[in-house]
Protein backbone atom coordinates (compact mmCIF):
# COMPACT_ATOMS: atom_id res chain seq x y z
CA MET A 1 117.44 115.80 131.25
CA THR A 2 116.64 114.09 127.95
CA SER A 3 113.42 112.14 127.69
CA ASN A 4 113.02 108.85 125.86
CA TRP A 5 110.88 110.65 123.29
CA GLN A 6 113.65 113.18 122.56
CA ARG A 7 116.21 110.38 122.20
CA TYR A 8 113.84 108.55 119.85
CA LEU A 9 113.40 111.67 117.68
CA ARG A 10 117.18 112.17 117.50
CA LYS A 11 117.63 108.56 116.36
CA LEU A 12 114.81 108.97 113.83
CA ASN A 13 116.41 112.13 112.39
CA LEU A 14 119.81 110.42 112.19
CA ALA A 15 118.26 107.44 110.40
CA ARG A 16 116.49 109.80 107.97
CA ARG A 17 119.74 111.64 107.19
CA ARG A 18 121.48 108.31 106.52
CA ALA A 19 118.60 107.20 104.25
CA ILE A 20 118.82 110.49 102.34
CA ARG A 21 122.56 110.03 101.76
CA ALA A 22 121.96 106.46 100.56
CA ALA A 23 119.18 107.65 98.22
CA GLU A 24 121.42 110.37 96.77
CA ALA A 25 124.17 107.83 96.14
CA SER A 26 121.78 105.39 94.46
CA ILE A 27 120.30 108.15 92.27
CA ALA A 28 123.72 109.41 91.23
CA MET A 29 124.92 105.89 90.40
CA ALA A 30 121.79 104.84 88.50
CA LEU A 31 121.29 108.00 86.48
CA GLY A 32 124.83 109.29 86.21
CA GLN A 33 125.93 112.88 86.57
CA LEU A 34 123.21 114.20 84.25
CA ARG A 35 120.61 113.59 86.95
CA ARG A 36 122.56 115.44 89.63
CA PRO A 37 121.95 119.07 88.43
CA VAL A 38 118.22 118.41 88.01
CA LEU A 39 117.95 117.04 91.55
CA GLU A 40 119.96 119.93 93.01
CA LEU A 41 117.78 122.47 91.19
CA ALA A 42 114.62 120.83 92.55
CA LEU A 43 116.05 120.75 96.08
CA GLN A 44 116.99 124.43 95.84
CA GLU A 45 113.43 125.22 94.76
CA LEU A 46 112.05 123.30 97.74
CA ASN A 47 113.81 125.68 100.13
CA ASP A 48 111.24 128.31 99.13
CA TYR A 49 108.40 126.27 100.70
CA PRO A 50 107.69 126.17 104.42
CA LYS A 51 108.57 122.97 106.25
CA ARG A 52 105.63 120.56 106.27
CA GLN A 53 104.84 117.91 108.86
CA ILE A 54 104.15 115.08 106.43
CA SER A 55 105.10 114.43 102.82
CA PHE A 56 103.28 111.83 100.76
CA CYS A 57 105.69 110.98 97.94
CA ILE A 58 104.46 109.32 94.75
CA SER A 59 106.63 108.16 91.86
CA TYR A 60 104.57 107.97 88.68
CA ARG A 61 104.88 106.38 85.26
CA ASN A 62 101.99 105.17 83.07
CA ARG A 63 99.51 104.74 85.94
CA PHE A 64 97.13 107.54 84.96
CA GLU A 65 93.98 105.52 85.66
CA HIS A 66 95.15 104.69 89.18
CA ILE A 67 96.42 108.09 90.26
CA THR A 68 93.38 109.95 88.90
CA ARG A 69 91.23 107.71 91.09
CA THR A 70 93.27 107.83 94.31
CA LEU A 71 94.77 111.33 94.33
CA PRO A 72 91.44 113.24 94.52
CA VAL A 73 90.37 111.12 97.50
CA ASN A 74 93.75 111.49 99.21
CA LEU A 75 93.77 115.26 98.70
CA GLU A 76 90.28 115.66 100.18
CA ASP A 77 91.03 113.29 103.09
CA ASN A 78 94.04 115.43 104.06
CA ARG A 79 92.69 118.88 103.15
CA PRO A 80 91.89 119.78 106.82
CA LYS A 81 95.67 119.69 107.42
CA ALA A 82 96.73 120.98 103.98
CA GLU A 83 99.11 123.56 105.45
CA GLU A 84 101.00 120.77 107.23
CA THR A 85 100.83 118.23 104.38
CA GLU A 86 102.29 117.96 100.90
CA PHE A 87 101.89 115.52 98.04
CA VAL A 88 105.12 115.20 96.06
CA ILE A 89 104.58 113.61 92.65
CA VAL A 90 107.53 112.76 90.41
CA GLN A 91 106.76 111.66 86.86
CA PHE A 92 109.44 109.60 85.16
CA GLY A 93 108.64 109.80 81.45
CA GLY A 94 105.97 107.50 80.13
CA GLU A 95 103.21 107.88 77.60
CA GLU A 96 100.67 109.75 79.77
CA ASP A 97 101.58 113.24 80.97
CA LEU A 98 100.00 113.89 84.36
CA TYR A 99 100.71 117.63 84.57
CA PRO A 100 97.89 118.87 82.27
CA TRP A 101 95.36 116.92 84.35
CA LEU A 102 96.81 118.29 87.60
CA LYS A 103 96.83 121.85 86.24
CA ALA A 104 93.22 121.55 85.06
CA HIS A 105 91.86 120.13 88.34
CA TYR A 106 94.29 121.28 91.07
CA SER A 107 95.98 124.51 89.98
CA LYS A 108 95.41 126.15 93.40
CA ASP A 109 96.95 123.16 95.16
CA LEU A 110 99.98 123.33 92.85
CA GLU A 111 100.39 127.06 93.58
CA SER A 112 100.05 126.61 97.35
CA GLY A 113 102.55 123.76 97.55
CA TYR A 114 99.96 121.22 98.71
CA ILE A 115 100.87 119.38 95.49
CA LYS A 116 104.45 119.53 94.22
CA PHE A 117 105.03 118.08 90.77
CA TYR A 118 108.38 117.21 89.23
CA THR A 119 109.22 115.42 86.02
CA SER A 120 112.29 113.71 84.65
CA ASP A 121 112.90 112.09 81.29
CA GLN A 122 116.41 111.02 82.22
CA MET A 123 115.49 107.56 83.52
CA HIS A 124 115.42 105.06 80.69
CA GLY A 125 113.23 102.13 81.63
CA TRP A 126 111.67 101.82 85.06
CA HIS A 127 113.82 101.51 88.19
CA MET A 128 111.44 101.47 91.14
CA SER A 129 114.11 102.02 93.79
CA VAL A 130 115.52 105.07 91.97
CA ALA A 131 112.03 106.48 91.38
CA LYS A 132 110.95 106.03 95.00
CA ASN A 133 114.23 107.35 96.42
CA THR A 134 114.02 110.43 94.19
CA ALA A 135 110.43 111.15 95.25
CA LEU A 136 111.30 110.61 98.93
CA ARG A 137 114.30 112.94 98.66
CA LEU A 138 112.06 115.73 97.34
CA GLY A 139 109.71 115.51 100.33
CA THR A 140 110.25 118.34 102.82
CA GLY A 141 108.05 117.05 105.62
CA ARG A 142 109.18 115.99 109.03
CA PHE A 143 107.72 112.57 108.18
CA VAL A 144 108.08 111.24 104.65
CA VAL A 145 105.78 108.49 103.34
CA SER A 146 106.11 106.58 100.08
CA LEU A 147 102.84 105.94 98.24
CA ASP A 148 102.15 103.95 95.11
CA CYS A 149 99.72 105.42 92.59
CA ASP A 150 96.95 103.10 93.78
CA ASN A 151 97.33 103.75 97.55
CA PHE A 152 94.84 105.62 99.70
CA THR A 153 96.07 107.52 102.77
CA GLY A 154 92.79 107.51 104.66
CA PRO A 155 91.48 110.53 106.58
CA LEU A 156 94.33 112.73 107.83
CA GLY A 157 96.98 110.35 106.54
């Protein structure tokens, strides 16, 4: 006998799969076929990581001051559940490269998969929907949350 909770989870998973297909279509249309191989390579790489419970997905461009203020707090607030949590950051060009700062301050978190960093210079201009959909698609968690660079998650998300 199927419980209401199980039916709800099935509907949630179906809705997530539909959202993923819509995001893939919007990314392919907005960025053309050049974006497709990069996305597929990143998704193939993600298969090497264990499935997480929650993915906090951040699309980033020229918000260095904001993300360097919020990310340290968010990482520490969620560190007790670091094995079940991931922060997916996708940088879309811009003048300020975030990776050197991440590598200098959070190299262990990058190695463990607690932070996953991707970059793309294929998006000309800023398209928020494409950026957010790309970041969300790279999240491997059971629950995927979109964050702006100036958002705090609070303790344990």
